[in-house]
């Protein structure tokens, strides 16, 4: 695979995996957005220590579940980073 993120290519033989990749890409995008928002709230001091701990555990559990789902469908994190053409890749690589 080249250095560019892959585009969604629907193949009648692999439509289930392609659909799983698309759904997981959207879920991963939402997970990254939630993580960024949580970090902003922590940096602003909006959360007490207990809330920070709970949020951290929740985000780690979500990341672990995403890894399990990717493995179940035989996908890598790169498989979820859909190329949006001139807009660039869907997911942050930070």
C-alpha atoms as a PDB file:
ATOM      1  CA  UNK A   1       0.000   0.000   0.000  1.00  0.00           C
ATOM      2  CA  UNK A   2       1.305   3.446  -0.860  1.00  0.00           C
ATOM      3  CA  UNK A   3       1.721   6.268   1.621  1.00  0.00           C
ATOM      4  CA  UNK A   4      -1.718   7.669   0.732  1.00  0.00           C
ATOM      5  CA  UNK A   5      -4.794   6.661   2.715  1.00  0.00           C
ATOM      6  CA  UNK A   6      -6.974   4.177   0.897  1.00  0.00           C
ATOM      7  CA  UNK A   7     -10.258   5.056  -0.753  1.00  0.00           C
ATOM      8  CA  UNK A   8     -13.381   3.034  -0.124  1.00  0.00           C
ATOM      9  CA  UNK A   9     -13.643   0.561  -2.969  1.00  0.00           C
ATOM     10  CA  UNK A  10     -16.760  -1.555  -2.952  1.00  0.00           C
ATOM     11  CA  UNK A  11     -16.160  -5.082  -4.141  1.00  0.00           C
ATOM     12  CA  UNK A  12     -19.212  -7.382  -4.295  1.00  0.00           C
ATOM     13  CA  UNK A  13     -17.108 -10.138  -2.750  1.00  0.00           C
ATOM     14  CA  UNK A  14     -15.942  -7.987   0.175  1.00  0.00           C
ATOM     15  CA  UNK A  15     -18.943  -5.707   0.739  1.00  0.00           C
ATOM     16  CA  UNK A  16     -19.311  -6.857   4.372  1.00  0.00           C
ATOM     17  CA  UNK A  17     -15.745  -5.926   5.233  1.00  0.00           C
ATOM     18  CA  UNK A  18     -16.020  -2.652   3.311  1.00  0.00           C
ATOM     19  CA  UNK A  19     -19.184  -1.768   5.214  1.00  0.00           C
ATOM     20  CA  UNK A  20     -17.503  -2.663   8.514  1.00  0.00           C
ATOM     21  CA  UNK A  21     -14.534  -0.458   7.572  1.00  0.00           C
ATOM     22  CA  UNK A  22     -16.840   2.456   6.774  1.00  0.00           C
ATOM     23  CA  UNK A  23     -18.808   2.111  10.022  1.00  0.00           C
ATOM     24  CA  UNK A  24     -15.655   1.724  12.099  1.00  0.00           C
ATOM     25  CA  UNK A  25     -14.122   4.762  10.367  1.00  0.00           C
ATOM     26  CA  UNK A  26     -17.087   6.874  11.497  1.00  0.00           C
ATOM     27  CA  UNK A  27     -16.898   5.438  15.028  1.00  0.00           C
ATOM     28  CA  UNK A  28     -13.139   6.115  15.145  1.00  0.00           C
ATOM     29  CA  UNK A  29     -13.708   9.701  13.991  1.00  0.00           C
ATOM     30  CA  UNK A  30     -16.235  10.190  16.804  1.00  0.00           C
ATOM     31  CA  UNK A  31     -13.848   8.562  19.302  1.00  0.00           C
ATOM     32  CA  UNK A  32     -11.059  10.950  18.303  1.00  0.00           C
ATOM     33  CA  UNK A  33     -13.394  13.945  18.580  1.00  0.00           C
ATOM     34  CA  UNK A  34     -14.545  12.822  22.045  1.00  0.00           C
ATOM     35  CA  UNK A  35     -10.936  12.379  23.127  1.00  0.00           C
ATOM     36  CA  UNK A  36      -9.982  15.869  21.948  1.00  0.00           C
ATOM     37  CA  UNK A  37     -12.986  17.396  23.709  1.00  0.00           C
ATOM     38  CA  UNK A  38     -12.109  15.528  26.912  1.00  0.00           C
ATOM     39  CA  UNK A  39      -8.517  16.789  26.767  1.00  0.00           C
ATOM     40  CA  UNK A  40      -9.750  20.359  26.270  1.00  0.00           C
ATOM     41  CA  UNK A  41     -12.028  20.042  29.311  1.00  0.00           C
ATOM     42  CA  UNK A  42      -9.167  18.638  31.377  1.00  0.00           C
ATOM     43  CA  UNK A  43      -6.829  21.433  30.262  1.00  0.00           C
ATOM     44  CA  UNK A  44      -9.475  24.040  31.149  1.00  0.00           C
ATOM     45  CA  UNK A  45      -9.885  22.540  34.612  1.00  0.00           C
ATOM     46  CA  UNK A  46     -13.589  21.808  34.086  1.00  0.00           C
ATOM     47  CA  UNK A  47     -13.341  18.329  35.640  1.00  0.00           C
ATOM     48  CA  UNK A  48     -12.492  17.148  39.130  1.00  0.00           C
ATOM     49  CA  UNK A  49      -9.994  14.327  39.722  1.00  0.00           C
ATOM     50  CA  UNK A  50     -12.693  11.645  39.882  1.00  0.00           C
ATOM     51  CA  UNK A  51     -14.208  12.785  36.583  1.00  0.00           C
ATOM     52  CA  UNK A  52     -10.781  12.848  34.929  1.00  0.00           C
ATOM     53  CA  UNK A  53     -10.109   9.291  36.123  1.00  0.00           C
ATOM     54  CA  UNK A  54     -13.498   8.037  34.929  1.00  0.00           C
ATOM     55  CA  UNK A  55     -13.097   9.768  31.571  1.00  0.00           C
ATOM     56  CA  UNK A  56      -9.623   8.304  31.089  1.00  0.00           C
ATOM     57  CA  UNK A  57     -10.824   4.777  31.870  1.00  0.00           C
ATOM     58  CA  UNK A  58     -13.789   5.185  29.521  1.00  0.00           C
ATOM     59  CA  UNK A  59     -11.623   6.415  26.648  1.00  0.00           C
ATOM     60  CA  UNK A  60      -9.127   3.588  27.164  1.00  0.00           C
ATOM     61  CA  UNK A  61     -11.954   1.023  27.172  1.00  0.00           C
ATOM     62  CA  UNK A  62     -13.367   2.516  23.966  1.00  0.00           C
ATOM     63  CA  UNK A  63      -9.951   2.412  22.299  1.00  0.00           C
ATOM     64  CA  UNK A  64      -9.528  -1.241  23.357  1.00  0.00           C
ATOM     65  CA  UNK A  65     -12.963  -2.128  21.972  1.00  0.00           C
ATOM     66  CA  UNK A  66     -12.132  -0.434  18.676  1.00  0.00           C
ATOM     67  CA  UNK A  67      -8.936  -2.511  18.460  1.00  0.00           C
ATOM     68  CA  UNK A  68     -10.985  -5.674  19.075  1.00  0.00           C
ATOM     69  CA  UNK A  69     -13.466  -4.746  16.355  1.00  0.00           C
ATOM     70  CA  UNK A  70     -10.695  -3.945  13.877  1.00  0.00           C
ATOM     71  CA  UNK A  71      -9.087  -7.303  14.617  1.00  0.00           C
ATOM     72  CA  UNK A  72     -12.429  -9.108  14.281  1.00  0.00           C
ATOM     73  CA  UNK A  73     -12.936  -7.657  10.797  1.00  0.00           C
ATOM     74  CA  UNK A  74      -9.275  -8.001   9.801  1.00  0.00           C
ATOM     75  CA  UNK A  75      -8.711  -4.255   9.547  1.00  0.00           C
ATOM     76  CA  UNK A  76      -5.805  -2.028  10.500  1.00  0.00           C
ATOM     77  CA  UNK A  77      -6.048   1.566  11.731  1.00  0.00           C
ATOM     78  CA  UNK A  78      -4.839   2.644   8.287  1.00  0.00           C
ATOM     79  CA  UNK A  79      -7.779   0.809   6.683  1.00  0.00           C
ATOM     80  CA  UNK A  80     -10.139   3.184   8.492  1.00  0.00           C
ATOM     81  CA  UNK A  81      -8.407   6.363   7.322  1.00  0.00           C
ATOM     82  CA  UNK A  82     -10.477   7.017   4.211  1.00  0.00           C
ATOM     83  CA  UNK A  83      -9.001   9.358   1.609  1.00  0.00           C
ATOM     84  CA  UNK A  84     -11.352  12.306   1.106  1.00  0.00           C
ATOM     85  CA  UNK A  85      -9.560  13.481  -2.007  1.00  0.00           C
ATOM     86  CA  UNK A  86      -8.720  17.195  -1.883  1.00  0.00           C
ATOM     87  CA  UNK A  87      -9.768  17.343   1.785  1.00  0.00           C
ATOM     88  CA  UNK A  88      -7.137  14.798   2.758  1.00  0.00           C
ATOM     89  CA  UNK A  89      -7.502  11.824   5.090  1.00  0.00           C
ATOM     90  CA  UNK A  90     -10.591  11.433   7.300  1.00  0.00           C
ATOM     91  CA  UNK A  91      -8.753  10.673  10.533  1.00  0.00           C
ATOM     92  CA  UNK A  92      -6.100  12.543  12.428  1.00  0.00           C
ATOM     93  CA  UNK A  93      -2.720  10.826  12.542  1.00  0.00           C
ATOM     94  CA  UNK A  94      -1.619  12.739  15.653  1.00  0.00           C
END
